[in-house]
Amino acid sequence: MEYHNPFPQEQLSQVHQVQQRQKIQKIRQACDCCHARKIRCDGANPCANCRTTELMCTYLAVPKKKGPKGRRVGCPQNADAGKPAKRPKIVHEIPSNSGRRRENPPTVPPPEVPPPVVIDVEEPRFHPSRSISDELVKECVDAFFAHKFPIMPILDQEQTYALLPHLGESPEQYALITSICAVITLQPEILGPEPAFDHLINSFRRPTPEFFILETVRARQFFSYIDSPTLATVQTSFFLFAAFFCLGKDNSAWFYIREAMTVLQLLRLHEEDAYETIEDPLCATLNRRTFWLLFITERAYALQRHRPLTLQRTISLPSIAPGSEERILSGFIDLVSLFQNFDDDFISLWNLSATPSEEATSFQSLIQLQNILKYSIPNVAERTEIQQADLLISRQWLKTMVWQLSLSKRLLSSNPSTESMSFHYPVTIARDVVLVSRILSPKAFEANGVGILEKVFDIGCSLADVLTLHPNFMAGGGMEIGPRDYLMELVRVLGTASQGKHGMGSERFLRVLAGKADECLGVRMRGSLSESERSRCIEEIEDEDDEDEDEDGDVEEIVRSDARIRESFNTVTDWNGFGEMPYG
């Protein structure tokens, strides 16, 4: 039986041609985000990847031309065209025996060489993103100097504002400013409300922190920041570390803090002799401050993530000159004094890499370190409120780290000679943290970002572990403030901070600490706090297995605890002597 094709041959040929064209169709240019992430882009606006990740889809990058860069000569027409032309041979007259002369043969003219074809390949020029407005950049810089500069005094305000109108001319300065914007946009509570978004023209949307990070990385492709590093290179890497730390991306954060320290060492800013060759006093001052900021940050991150140390105390501290920054610089040096005692010996013990001789001397050294922390920062009342929050919480957190190391080395005792070596020391630490949270405004905590909240989280976890293992520590009178109240107050601090748009990365800390509080206190709590009618308390978790009466009793207990804390701490308004509190 003969088979008849119902489709004409011409129609099948046309369908085949359409399919072939679809196969060979290529995307002329990927969007900026897909290009930076090195993934396939569909060329739409916005593309499918940006719609999925909710990123700003732009096509601002100028595609680079393929082939070798710079000026080059066109390919030769034949194999001999590129070689130098050979000189014609000249045959001299040779006398013969007959006396006649033989004439020279005709000379061969040189081959014609075609003129070289010169192709000018223009290097792609840097262009700032049109999604970042001048107003938003200035708003971020304003927020930095208002909220971040007291704890990161590494930029000069006058010089920074002078850079803003010329960011399109310098990709290095553009990268520095966009890295600052990435850090600031992670804390929308200090940046102000976002302008209204017009869906018709897709305008007035504030770029995400991830977009600013991509812009920083893109700008760095237009200059050699590794072979020709500057102080701006170090500072940009530091701000990228801060952004990734807030996003909870530890590998990227660790990479950029190490990059910042490596570039700093390439510039020899860890050597005191290098500062003698810097002619500009302001430049030398900013270099020195940047070193000590990395010194502090590296030690805090080493304790949080069990990392080794790189920088040591090899240069002098920044000098404090009378002026508008005198108060801020004094607080900055106070912060250095807190962390400078955590050297390689302590970090080796902390990372479980110490030698037997180092472990044998750890007991007395840990007691001495606790005493240093106890009587440090005596002039904290003279610092700014943002610095007070950073200094006081950092001090209590460092006490907790030393206590945790003492616990792991089995150096604690039920009858110690000093309170810092007792099992209940986290109760005292938590009480001091609660006092700080009641005296200082929430704005002071917000300005410090997720770093200070992680420290509160560590303190709360140590308290919860102690209360779980020693329930007798929670015993007390009906209206007497005790460890239960301290733990619930620490959860409240994390819950209040988690109400921001990005939550400053505190949601994960809140969930864990609230779960620990549920376990050791027997009170069901939800990890979201509000300034509602029932005071600043933690709301209950709805549980179908619990009866309504039990739930109401839990909430009433939390409200009573909150009222007791307020009544006790509302009268504490004097900071004098807080740096040497008698209870540690």
Protein backbone atom coordinates (compact mmCIF):
# COMPACT_ATOMS: atom_id res chain seq x y z
CA MET A 1 0.00 0.00 0.00
CA GLU A 2 1.48 3.31 -1.04
CA TYR A 3 1.73 6.03 1.63
CA HIS A 4 0.65 9.51 0.65
CA ASN A 5 2.01 12.48 2.62
CA PRO A 6 -0.91 14.80 3.44
CA PHE A 7 1.43 17.82 3.54
CA PRO A 8 2.92 19.23 0.37
CA GLN A 9 6.68 19.08 0.05
CA GLU A 10 6.93 22.88 -0.20
CA GLN A 11 5.06 23.34 3.11
CA LEU A 12 7.37 20.89 4.90
CA SER A 13 10.36 22.77 3.54
CA GLN A 14 9.06 26.05 4.88
CA VAL A 15 8.42 24.56 8.33
CA HIS A 16 11.95 23.15 8.33
CA GLN A 17 13.41 26.54 7.45
CA VAL A 18 11.49 28.24 10.28
CA GLN A 19 12.73 25.63 12.74
CA GLN A 20 16.30 26.15 11.56
CA ARG A 21 16.02 29.93 12.00
CA GLN A 22 14.68 29.44 15.53
CA LYS A 23 17.61 27.22 16.39
CA ILE A 24 20.27 29.63 15.20
CA GLN A 25 18.62 32.74 16.66
CA LYS A 26 20.93 34.25 19.29
CA ILE A 27 20.51 36.87 21.99
CA ARG A 28 22.49 39.97 21.04
CA GLN A 29 23.06 41.12 24.63
CA ALA A 30 22.35 39.67 28.08
CA CYS A 31 21.06 41.98 30.80
CA ASP A 32 23.51 43.36 33.37
CA CYS A 33 22.42 41.00 36.17
CA CYS A 34 22.58 37.84 34.03
CA HIS A 35 25.95 38.94 32.63
CA ALA A 36 27.36 39.47 36.13
CA ARG A 37 25.96 36.12 37.34
CA LYS A 38 27.12 34.38 34.11
CA ILE A 39 23.79 32.73 33.39
CA ARG A 40 21.72 32.50 30.19
CA CYS A 41 19.43 35.47 29.51
CA ASP A 42 16.36 35.46 27.26
CA GLY A 43 16.90 39.10 26.20
CA ALA A 44 13.48 40.28 27.38
CA ASN A 45 12.95 43.42 29.46
CA PRO A 46 12.64 42.36 32.17
CA CYS A 47 14.10 38.94 31.53
CA ALA A 48 12.80 35.77 33.17
CA ASN A 49 15.73 35.52 35.60
CA CYS A 50 15.27 39.09 36.89
CA ARG A 51 11.53 38.54 37.25
CA THR A 52 12.20 35.42 39.33
CA THR A 53 14.83 37.04 41.58
CA GLU A 54 13.03 40.43 41.67
CA LEU A 55 16.16 42.25 40.51
CA MET A 56 16.30 45.46 38.48
CA CYS A 57 16.70 44.35 34.84
CA THR A 58 18.90 46.80 32.92
CA TYR A 59 20.94 46.78 29.68
CA LEU A 60 23.44 49.51 30.53
CA ALA A 61 26.72 47.68 29.97
CA VAL A 62 28.40 48.37 26.63
CA PRO A 63 29.11 44.99 24.94
CA LYS A 64 32.79 44.44 24.34
CA LYS A 65 33.99 43.77 20.83
CA LYS A 66 35.43 40.34 20.24
CA GLY A 67 39.02 39.73 19.22
CA PRO A 68 42.30 41.15 20.48
CA LYS A 69 42.23 44.62 22.03
CA GLY A 70 44.07 47.67 20.74
CA ARG A 71 45.40 48.46 17.31
CA ARG A 72 46.25 45.60 14.98
CA VAL A 73 47.26 45.13 11.34
CA GLY A 74 45.01 43.32 8.92
CA CYS A 75 45.85 39.78 7.82
CA PRO A 76 48.26 39.52 4.83
CA GLN A 77 46.92 38.53 1.45
CA ASN A 78 49.50 35.77 0.97
CA ALA A 79 52.20 34.02 2.88
CA ASP A 80 55.00 36.31 1.69
CA ALA A 81 53.13 39.57 2.07
CA GLY A 82 53.98 39.88 5.76
CA LYS A 83 57.69 39.23 5.24
CA PRO A 84 60.15 42.02 4.37
CA ALA A 85 60.74 42.35 0.64
CA LYS A 86 63.99 40.83 -0.58
CA ARG A 87 66.53 43.11 -2.20
CA PRO A 88 67.13 42.33 -5.91
CA LYS A 89 70.36 40.62 -6.71
CA ILE A 90 72.88 42.62 -8.76
CA VAL A 91 75.16 40.69 -11.06
CA HIS A 92 78.52 42.46 -11.62
CA GLU A 93 80.43 42.38 -14.85
CA ILE A 94 82.79 39.43 -15.09
CA PRO A 95 85.66 39.77 -17.56
CA SER A 96 85.91 36.89 -20.01
CA ASN A 97 88.86 35.43 -21.83
CA SER A 98 87.53 36.70 -25.08
CA GLY A 99 87.69 40.23 -23.82
CA ARG A 100 83.98 40.72 -24.30
CA ARG A 101 81.80 41.82 -21.43
CA ARG A 102 78.59 40.04 -20.48
CA GLU A 103 75.75 42.44 -19.79
CA ASN A 104 73.87 42.26 -16.51
CA PRO A 105 70.54 40.44 -16.57
CA PRO A 106 67.48 42.61 -16.01
CA THR A 107 66.74 43.32 -12.36
CA VAL A 108 63.56 41.93 -10.81
CA PRO A 109 61.33 44.65 -9.32
CA PRO A 110 60.28 44.10 -5.66
CA PRO A 111 56.77 42.73 -5.12
CA GLU A 112 54.13 45.23 -4.26
CA VAL A 113 53.15 45.10 -0.56
CA PRO A 114 49.59 46.23 0.17
CA PRO A 115 49.32 49.06 2.69
CA PRO A 116 48.50 47.89 6.24
CA VAL A 117 44.89 48.06 7.32
CA VAL A 118 44.60 49.69 10.73
CA ILE A 119 41.54 48.85 12.81
CA ASP A 120 40.71 51.05 15.76
CA VAL A 121 39.01 49.06 18.54
CA GLU A 122 37.55 51.35 21.18
CA GLU A 123 37.65 50.19 24.76
CA PRO A 124 34.20 50.12 26.42
CA ARG A 125 33.59 53.22 28.47
CA PHE A 126 32.21 53.21 32.00
CA HIS A 127 28.71 54.55 32.51
CA PRO A 128 26.88 54.77 35.85
CA SER A 129 23.57 53.00 36.15
CA ARG A 130 20.54 55.10 35.28
CA SER A 131 18.60 53.23 37.97
CA ILE A 132 20.60 55.03 40.68
CA SER A 133 19.50 58.63 41.02
CA ASP A 134 21.67 61.42 42.39
CA GLU A 135 19.07 62.04 45.09
CA LEU A 136 19.25 58.43 46.31
CA VAL A 137 23.06 58.50 46.41
CA LYS A 138 23.06 61.69 48.47
CA GLU A 139 20.41 60.23 50.77
CA CYS A 140 22.56 57.16 51.40
CA VAL A 141 25.67 59.25 52.04
CA ASP A 142 23.69 61.45 54.45
CA ALA A 143 22.52 58.34 56.32
CA PHE A 144 26.08 57.00 56.49
CA PHE A 145 27.51 60.09 58.14
CA ALA A 146 24.51 60.40 60.47
CA HIS A 147 24.34 56.78 61.64
CA LYS A 148 27.41 54.79 60.52
CA PHE A 149 30.25 57.26 60.77
CA PRO A 150 30.41 57.11 64.61
CA ILE A 151 31.35 53.42 64.38
CA MET A 152 33.12 53.58 60.96
CA PRO A 153 35.04 56.90 60.94
CA ILE A 154 37.09 56.11 57.82
CA LEU A 155 35.78 58.70 55.35
CA ASP A 156 36.16 62.46 55.19
CA GLN A 157 32.78 64.12 54.87
CA GLU A 158 33.92 67.05 52.73
CA GLN A 159 35.88 64.88 50.32
CA THR A 160 33.05 62.37 50.00
CA TYR A 161 30.42 64.94 49.10
CA ALA A 162 32.85 66.49 46.60
CA LEU A 163 33.00 63.15 44.75
CA LEU A 164 29.27 62.81 44.14
CA PRO A 165 28.94 65.11 41.08
CA HIS A 166 31.84 63.32 39.33
CA LEU A 167 31.05 59.63 39.89
CA GLY A 168 30.64 59.02 36.16
CA GLU A 169 34.25 60.03 35.61
CA SER A 170 35.81 57.59 38.10
CA PRO A 171 34.63 53.96 38.31
CA GLU A 172 36.80 53.54 41.44
CA GLN A 173 34.94 56.24 43.36
CA TYR A 174 31.64 55.02 41.92
CA ALA A 175 32.38 51.53 43.29
CA LEU A 176 33.12 53.01 46.73
CA ILE A 177 29.86 54.98 46.84
CA THR A 178 27.70 52.10 45.59
CA SER A 179 29.21 49.79 48.22
CA ILE A 180 28.20 52.32 50.87
CA CYS A 181 24.71 52.45 49.36
CA ALA A 182 24.51 48.63 49.58
CA VAL A 183 25.16 48.78 53.34
CA ILE A 184 22.71 51.63 53.93
CA THR A 185 19.82 50.16 51.91
CA LEU A 186 20.04 47.02 54.04
CA GLN A 187 18.75 49.18 56.90
CA PRO A 188 15.74 51.05 55.47
CA GLU A 189 14.79 52.27 58.93
CA ILE A 190 17.74 54.68 58.89
CA LEU A 191 17.22 55.63 55.23
CA GLY A 192 13.66 56.86 55.44
CA PRO A 193 10.47 55.80 53.65
CA GLU A 194 10.69 54.69 50.04
CA PRO A 195 9.04 57.00 47.48
CA ALA A 196 5.82 55.96 45.78
CA PHE A 197 6.25 53.57 42.87
CA ASP A 198 4.69 54.32 39.51
CA HIS A 199 3.84 51.02 37.81
CA LEU A 200 3.22 52.67 34.45
CA ILE A 201 6.68 54.13 33.94
CA ASN A 202 8.57 51.77 36.29
CA SER A 203 10.19 54.64 38.15
CA PHE A 204 10.93 55.73 41.69
CA ARG A 205 11.69 52.18 42.79
CA ARG A 206 14.63 52.09 45.17
CA PRO A 207 17.27 49.60 43.96
CA THR A 208 17.89 46.59 46.17
CA PRO A 209 21.11 46.05 48.13
CA GLU A 210 21.96 43.20 45.75
CA PHE A 211 21.73 45.63 42.82
CA PHE A 212 24.19 48.01 44.47
CA ILE A 213 26.57 45.09 45.07
CA LEU A 214 26.38 44.12 41.39
CA GLU A 215 27.06 47.74 40.42
CA THR A 216 30.14 47.78 42.65
CA VAL A 217 31.48 44.61 41.06
CA ARG A 218 30.69 45.92 37.55
CA ALA A 219 32.49 49.21 38.15
CA ARG A 220 35.59 47.35 39.32
CA GLN A 221 35.91 45.78 35.87
CA PHE A 222 36.88 49.17 34.42
CA PHE A 223 40.07 49.70 36.43
CA SER A 224 42.91 47.60 37.79
CA TYR A 225 42.21 47.68 41.50
CA ILE A 226 44.55 44.75 42.22
CA ASP A 227 47.65 45.94 40.38
CA SER A 228 47.08 49.60 41.32
CA PRO A 229 45.30 49.51 44.69
CA THR A 230 44.39 52.58 46.72
CA LEU A 231 42.76 53.29 50.06
CA ALA A 232 39.40 53.39 48.25
CA THR A 233 40.02 49.77 47.22
CA VAL A 234 40.41 48.73 50.86
CA GLN A 235 37.32 50.65 51.93
CA THR A 236 35.19 49.28 49.07
CA SER A 237 36.11 45.70 50.01
CA PHE A 238 35.25 46.45 53.63
CA PHE A 239 31.80 47.79 52.75
CA LEU A 240 31.18 44.75 50.54
CA PHE A 241 32.04 42.60 53.56
CA ALA A 242 29.56 44.55 55.69
CA ALA A 243 26.82 44.12 53.07
CA PHE A 244 27.33 40.37 52.69
CA PHE A 245 27.53 39.98 56.48
CA CYS A 246 24.12 41.62 56.83
CA LEU A 247 22.75 39.35 54.07
CA GLY A 248 24.02 36.29 55.95
CA LYS A 249 26.38 35.22 53.13
CA ASP A 250 29.36 34.21 55.23
CA ASN A 251 31.61 32.92 52.45
CA SER A 252 31.36 36.16 50.48
CA ALA A 253 31.77 38.20 53.66
CA TRP A 254 34.91 36.28 54.61
CA PHE A 255 36.32 36.71 51.08
CA TYR A 256 35.94 40.49 51.06
CA ILE A 257 37.24 41.09 54.60
CA ARG A 258 40.33 39.08 53.66
CA GLU A 259 40.60 41.03 50.40
CA ALA A 260 40.47 44.31 52.32
CA MET A 261 43.25 43.21 54.66
CA THR A 262 45.36 41.84 51.80
CA VAL A 263 45.17 45.09 49.84
CA LEU A 264 45.92 47.02 53.03
CA GLN A 265 49.09 44.97 53.43
CA LEU A 266 49.99 45.49 49.77
CA LEU A 267 49.89 49.22 50.51
CA ARG A 268 52.06 48.56 53.62
CA LEU A 269 49.51 50.31 55.81
CA HIS A 270 50.22 47.77 58.55
CA GLU A 271 53.77 49.18 58.87
CA GLU A 272 54.41 52.33 60.86
CA ASP A 273 57.25 53.39 58.53
CA ALA A 274 54.84 53.65 55.60
CA TYR A 275 52.99 56.53 57.25
CA GLU A 276 56.12 58.67 57.30
CA THR A 277 56.10 58.80 53.49
CA ILE A 278 52.48 60.02 53.26
CA GLU A 279 52.63 63.76 52.77
CA ASP A 280 48.91 64.49 53.17
CA PRO A 281 48.03 64.44 56.91
CA LEU A 282 44.33 63.74 56.21
CA CYS A 283 45.20 60.79 53.99
CA ALA A 284 47.51 59.37 56.67
CA THR A 285 44.75 59.77 59.27
CA LEU A 286 42.15 57.94 57.16
CA ASN A 287 44.65 55.17 56.39
CA ARG A 288 45.34 54.67 60.09
CA ARG A 289 41.66 54.64 61.00
CA THR A 290 40.94 52.09 58.27
CA PHE A 291 43.61 49.78 59.66
CA TRP A 292 42.13 49.85 63.16
CA LEU A 293 38.57 49.38 61.87
CA LEU A 294 39.72 46.22 60.09
CA PHE A 295 41.58 45.22 63.25
CA ILE A 296 38.35 45.41 65.29
CA THR A 297 36.16 43.82 62.61
CA GLU A 298 38.49 40.89 62.04
CA ARG A 299 38.53 39.99 65.73
CA ALA A 300 34.77 40.20 66.09
CA TYR A 301 34.28 38.08 62.96
CA ALA A 302 36.93 35.59 64.09
CA LEU A 303 34.98 35.04 67.31
CA GLN A 304 31.66 34.77 65.50
CA ARG A 305 32.80 32.40 62.74
CA HIS A 306 35.94 30.75 64.23
CA ARG A 307 38.38 32.33 61.78
CA PRO A 308 42.13 32.95 62.17
CA LEU A 309 43.67 36.40 62.63
CA THR A 310 45.78 38.34 60.15
CA LEU A 311 46.35 41.85 61.52
CA GLN A 312 48.36 42.52 64.66
CA ARG A 313 49.02 45.65 66.72
CA THR A 314 51.80 46.97 64.52
CA ILE A 315 50.98 50.69 64.21
CA SER A 316 50.04 53.47 66.59
CA LEU A 317 46.46 54.41 67.41
CA PRO A 318 44.86 57.38 65.63
CA SER A 319 45.55 60.71 67.25
CA ILE A 320 42.67 62.70 68.72
CA ALA A 321 42.71 66.36 67.75
CA PRO A 322 40.31 68.94 69.17
CA GLY A 323 37.36 69.48 66.87
CA SER A 324 34.05 68.11 65.72
CA GLU A 325 35.36 64.52 65.54
CA GLU A 326 37.05 64.47 68.95
CA ARG A 327 34.12 62.77 70.67
CA ILE A 328 33.72 60.17 67.93
CA LEU A 329 37.43 59.34 67.80
CA SER A 330 37.52 58.86 71.58
CA GLY A 331 34.73 56.29 71.34
CA PHE A 332 36.47 54.60 68.42
CA ILE A 333 39.65 54.16 70.44
CA ASP A 334 37.57 52.81 73.34
CA LEU A 335 36.33 50.11 70.97
CA VAL A 336 39.90 49.28 69.98
CA SER A 337 40.80 48.91 73.66
CA LEU A 338 38.04 46.30 74.09
CA PHE A 339 39.26 44.07 71.26
CA GLN A 340 43.03 44.52 71.43
CA ASN A 341 43.34 41.99 74.27
CA PHE A 342 41.91 39.22 72.09
CA ASP A 343 45.14 38.15 70.45
CA ASP A 344 46.35 35.00 68.70
CA ASP A 345 46.62 33.10 71.99
CA PHE A 346 42.93 33.59 72.80
CA ILE A 347 41.80 32.91 69.23
CA SER A 348 43.86 29.70 69.21
CA LEU A 349 42.09 28.55 72.36
CA TRP A 350 38.77 29.62 70.88
CA ASN A 351 39.42 27.75 67.61
CA LEU A 352 40.64 24.64 69.48
CA SER A 353 44.12 24.96 67.95
CA ALA A 354 46.15 25.87 71.05
CA THR A 355 49.21 23.97 72.23
CA PRO A 356 49.25 22.16 75.63
CA SER A 357 51.43 24.89 77.14
CA GLU A 358 48.95 27.57 76.08
CA GLU A 359 46.04 25.64 77.56
CA ALA A 360 47.88 25.27 80.89
CA THR A 361 48.07 29.04 81.31
CA SER A 362 44.54 29.74 80.11
CA PHE A 363 42.85 29.82 83.55
CA GLN A 364 44.66 32.85 84.94
CA SER A 365 44.68 34.62 81.58
CA LEU A 366 40.90 34.24 81.26
CA ILE A 367 40.30 35.62 84.76
CA GLN A 368 42.58 38.55 83.95
CA LEU A 369 40.74 39.16 80.68
CA GLN A 370 37.37 39.22 82.46
CA ASN A 371 38.71 41.78 84.94
CA ILE A 372 39.97 43.97 82.10
CA LEU A 373 36.55 43.90 80.45
CA LYS A 374 34.81 44.60 83.75
CA TYR A 375 36.60 47.90 84.33
CA SER A 376 37.01 49.02 80.70
CA ILE A 377 35.44 52.08 79.01
CA PRO A 378 35.03 54.18 82.19
CA ASN A 379 34.10 57.29 80.17
CA VAL A 380 31.30 55.71 78.16
CA ALA A 381 28.83 58.40 79.24
CA GLU A 382 30.79 60.94 77.17
CA ARG A 383 30.33 59.03 73.90
CA THR A 384 27.53 59.35 71.36
CA GLU A 385 24.45 57.22 71.91
CA ILE A 386 25.26 55.06 68.89
CA GLN A 387 28.74 54.43 70.28
CA GLN A 388 27.35 53.74 73.75
CA ALA A 389 25.20 50.93 72.35
CA ASP A 390 28.15 49.48 70.43
CA LEU A 391 30.60 49.74 73.36
CA LEU A 392 28.31 48.46 76.11
CA ILE A 393 26.83 45.55 74.16
CA SER A 394 30.23 44.59 72.75
CA ARG A 395 31.72 44.52 76.24
CA GLN A 396 28.99 42.21 77.56
CA TRP A 397 29.29 40.04 74.46
CA LEU A 398 33.05 39.68 74.92
CA LYS A 399 32.44 38.68 78.53
CA THR A 400 30.10 35.98 77.23
CA MET A 401 32.72 34.74 74.76
CA VAL A 402 35.31 34.43 77.55
CA TRP A 403 32.74 32.65 79.75
CA GLN A 404 31.89 30.20 76.94
CA LEU A 405 35.59 29.41 76.48
CA SER A 406 35.96 28.86 80.23
CA LEU A 407 32.98 26.52 80.13
CA SER A 408 34.43 24.51 77.21
CA LYS A 409 37.76 24.18 79.09
CA ARG A 410 35.94 23.05 82.27
CA LEU A 411 37.27 25.97 84.28
CA LEU A 412 33.95 27.02 85.87
CA SER A 413 33.07 26.23 89.48
CA SER A 414 30.04 26.21 91.75
CA ASN A 415 32.07 28.11 94.38
CA PRO A 416 34.41 30.32 92.36
CA SER A 417 36.73 32.96 93.71
CA THR A 418 35.32 35.42 91.16
CA GLU A 419 31.83 35.69 89.69
CA SER A 420 33.10 35.54 86.12
CA MET A 421 34.08 31.89 86.70
CA SER A 422 30.66 30.84 87.99
CA PHE A 423 27.94 28.95 86.14
CA HIS A 424 25.38 31.75 86.62
CA TYR A 425 27.54 34.57 85.20
CA PRO A 426 25.35 34.85 82.01
CA VAL A 427 22.49 35.95 84.28
CA THR A 428 24.52 38.98 85.38
CA ILE A 429 25.58 39.71 81.81
CA ALA A 430 21.99 39.53 80.55
CA ARG A 431 20.85 41.91 83.30
CA ASP A 432 23.35 44.51 82.14
CA VAL A 433 22.25 44.11 78.51
CA VAL A 434 18.60 44.59 79.49
CA LEU A 435 19.58 47.73 81.37
CA VAL A 436 21.34 49.09 78.26
CA SER A 437 18.34 48.29 76.04
CA ARG A 438 16.03 50.20 78.43
CA ILE A 439 18.21 53.28 78.77
CA LEU A 440 19.26 53.73 75.14
CA SER A 441 16.81 54.46 72.34
CA PRO A 442 15.98 51.84 69.67
CA LYS A 443 17.60 54.15 67.09
CA ALA A 444 20.98 53.52 68.70
CA PHE A 445 20.55 49.78 68.15
CA GLU A 446 19.26 50.25 64.60
CA ALA A 447 22.30 52.28 63.59
CA ASN A 448 24.62 49.43 64.61
CA GLY A 449 22.84 46.98 62.33
CA VAL A 450 22.76 43.23 62.46
CA GLY A 451 26.16 42.95 64.17
CA ILE A 452 24.88 44.20 67.52
CA LEU A 453 21.79 41.97 67.27
CA GLU A 454 23.91 38.88 66.76
CA LYS A 455 25.76 39.78 69.95
CA VAL A 456 22.45 40.08 71.83
CA PHE A 457 21.50 36.71 70.37
CA ASP A 458 24.69 35.06 71.65
CA ILE A 459 24.12 36.48 75.13
CA GLY A 460 20.51 35.30 75.11
CA CYS A 461 21.49 31.78 74.02
CA SER A 462 24.01 31.48 76.85
CA LEU A 463 21.35 32.60 79.35
CA ALA A 464 18.79 30.15 77.94
CA ASP A 465 21.28 27.28 78.14
CA VAL A 466 22.06 28.09 81.77
CA LEU A 467 18.37 28.25 82.68
CA THR A 468 17.71 24.96 80.92
CA LEU A 469 20.49 23.16 82.81
CA HIS A 470 19.88 24.95 86.13
CA PRO A 471 16.15 25.68 86.52
CA ASN A 472 16.73 26.71 90.16
CA PHE A 473 18.30 29.96 88.91
CA MET A 474 14.82 31.10 87.86
CA ALA A 475 13.39 30.97 91.36
CA GLY A 476 12.30 34.32 92.79
CA GLY A 477 9.49 36.33 94.29
CA GLY A 478 6.29 37.27 92.49
CA MET A 479 7.31 40.85 91.62
CA GLU A 480 11.06 40.32 91.75
CA ILE A 481 12.91 40.66 88.47
CA GLY A 482 14.83 37.54 87.60
CA PRO A 483 16.48 35.57 84.79
CA ARG A 484 13.09 34.76 83.20
CA ASP A 485 12.44 38.46 82.71
CA TYR A 486 15.92 39.03 81.28
CA LEU A 487 15.50 36.29 78.71
CA MET A 488 12.09 37.53 77.57
CA GLU A 489 13.47 41.06 77.32
CA LEU A 490 16.32 39.89 75.08
CA VAL A 491 13.79 38.21 72.81
CA ARG A 492 11.86 41.49 72.75
CA VAL A 493 14.97 43.39 71.62
CA LEU A 494 15.47 41.00 68.68
CA GLY A 495 11.76 41.06 67.86
CA THR A 496 11.62 44.84 67.75
CA ALA A 497 14.54 44.95 65.31
CA SER A 498 12.97 42.31 63.04
CA GLN A 499 10.07 44.59 62.14
CA GLY A 500 12.12 46.45 59.50
CA LYS A 501 11.73 45.74 55.79
CA HIS A 502 14.82 43.58 55.68
CA GLY A 503 14.76 42.84 59.39
CA MET A 504 18.50 43.60 59.50
CA GLY A 505 19.04 39.83 59.29
CA SER A 506 17.66 39.31 62.79
CA GLU A 507 14.78 36.98 61.91
CA ARG A 508 16.96 33.88 62.07
CA PHE A 509 18.32 34.96 65.47
CA LEU A 510 14.82 35.69 66.74
CA ARG A 511 13.45 32.28 65.74
CA VAL A 512 16.26 30.38 67.48
CA LEU A 513 16.21 32.43 70.68
CA ALA A 514 12.41 32.37 70.91
CA GLY A 515 12.54 28.59 70.55
CA LYS A 516 15.08 28.34 73.37
CA ALA A 517 12.91 30.57 75.54
CA ASP A 518 9.89 28.37 74.81
CA GLU A 519 11.86 25.33 75.91
CA CYS A 520 13.30 26.62 79.17
CA LEU A 521 10.47 28.96 80.31
CA GLY A 522 7.45 26.98 79.19
CA VAL A 523 5.92 30.14 77.66
CA ARG A 524 4.89 29.98 74.01
CA MET A 525 6.21 33.05 72.22
CA ARG A 526 6.05 34.32 68.68
CA GLY A 527 9.11 35.95 67.18
CA SER A 528 7.46 39.29 66.41
CA LEU A 529 7.09 42.07 68.92
CA SER A 530 4.99 45.19 68.64
CA GLU A 531 4.32 48.41 70.50
CA SER A 532 0.68 47.50 70.88
CA GLU A 533 -2.00 48.17 73.49
CA ARG A 534 -0.68 45.41 75.71
CA SER A 535 2.72 47.11 75.97
CA ARG A 536 5.96 46.07 74.32
CA CYS A 537 5.50 42.39 74.91
CA ILE A 538 5.93 39.19 73.00
CA GLU A 539 2.77 37.78 71.52
CA GLU A 540 1.88 34.15 71.96
CA ILE A 541 2.08 31.47 69.32
CA GLU A 542 -1.25 29.97 68.33
CA ASP A 543 -1.17 26.30 69.19
CA GLU A 544 -4.19 24.11 68.57
CA ASP A 545 -3.13 21.68 71.26
CA ASP A 546 -3.03 24.35 74.00
CA GLU A 547 -6.18 25.51 75.70
CA ASP A 548 -7.20 29.15 75.58
CA GLU A 549 -6.83 29.49 79.33
CA ASP A 550 -3.19 28.42 79.20
CA GLU A 551 -2.50 30.83 76.35
CA ASP A 552 -4.04 33.74 78.21
CA GLY A 553 -1.97 32.86 81.26
CA ASP A 554 1.23 32.90 79.21
CA VAL A 555 0.52 36.34 77.83
CA GLU A 556 -0.39 37.71 81.27
CA GLU A 557 2.89 36.36 82.65
CA ILE A 558 4.82 38.11 79.85
CA VAL A 559 3.00 41.39 80.47
CA ARG A 560 3.71 41.18 84.21
CA SER A 561 7.38 40.51 83.45
CA ASP A 562 7.55 43.51 81.14
CA ALA A 563 5.93 45.74 83.77
CA ARG A 564 8.40 44.62 86.44
CA ILE A 565 11.35 45.42 84.18
CA ARG A 566 9.99 48.87 83.37
CA GLU A 567 9.35 49.71 87.02
CA SER A 568 12.85 48.63 87.97
CA PHE A 569 14.78 50.30 85.13
CA ASN A 570 12.80 53.47 84.48
CA THR A 571 14.51 55.14 87.43
CA VAL A 572 18.01 54.41 86.08
CA THR A 573 19.01 57.48 84.11
CA ASP A 574 22.50 58.25 85.38
CA TRP A 575 25.39 56.84 83.33
CA ASN A 576 28.04 57.85 85.87
CA GLY A 577 29.90 54.79 87.02
CA PHE A 578 28.24 52.47 84.52
CA GLY A 579 31.65 51.60 83.12
CA GLU A 580 32.54 50.12 86.54
CA MET A 581 29.25 48.63 87.67
CA PRO A 582 29.67 46.80 90.98
CA TYR A 583 27.89 43.74 89.68
CA GLY A 584 30.23 43.30 86.72
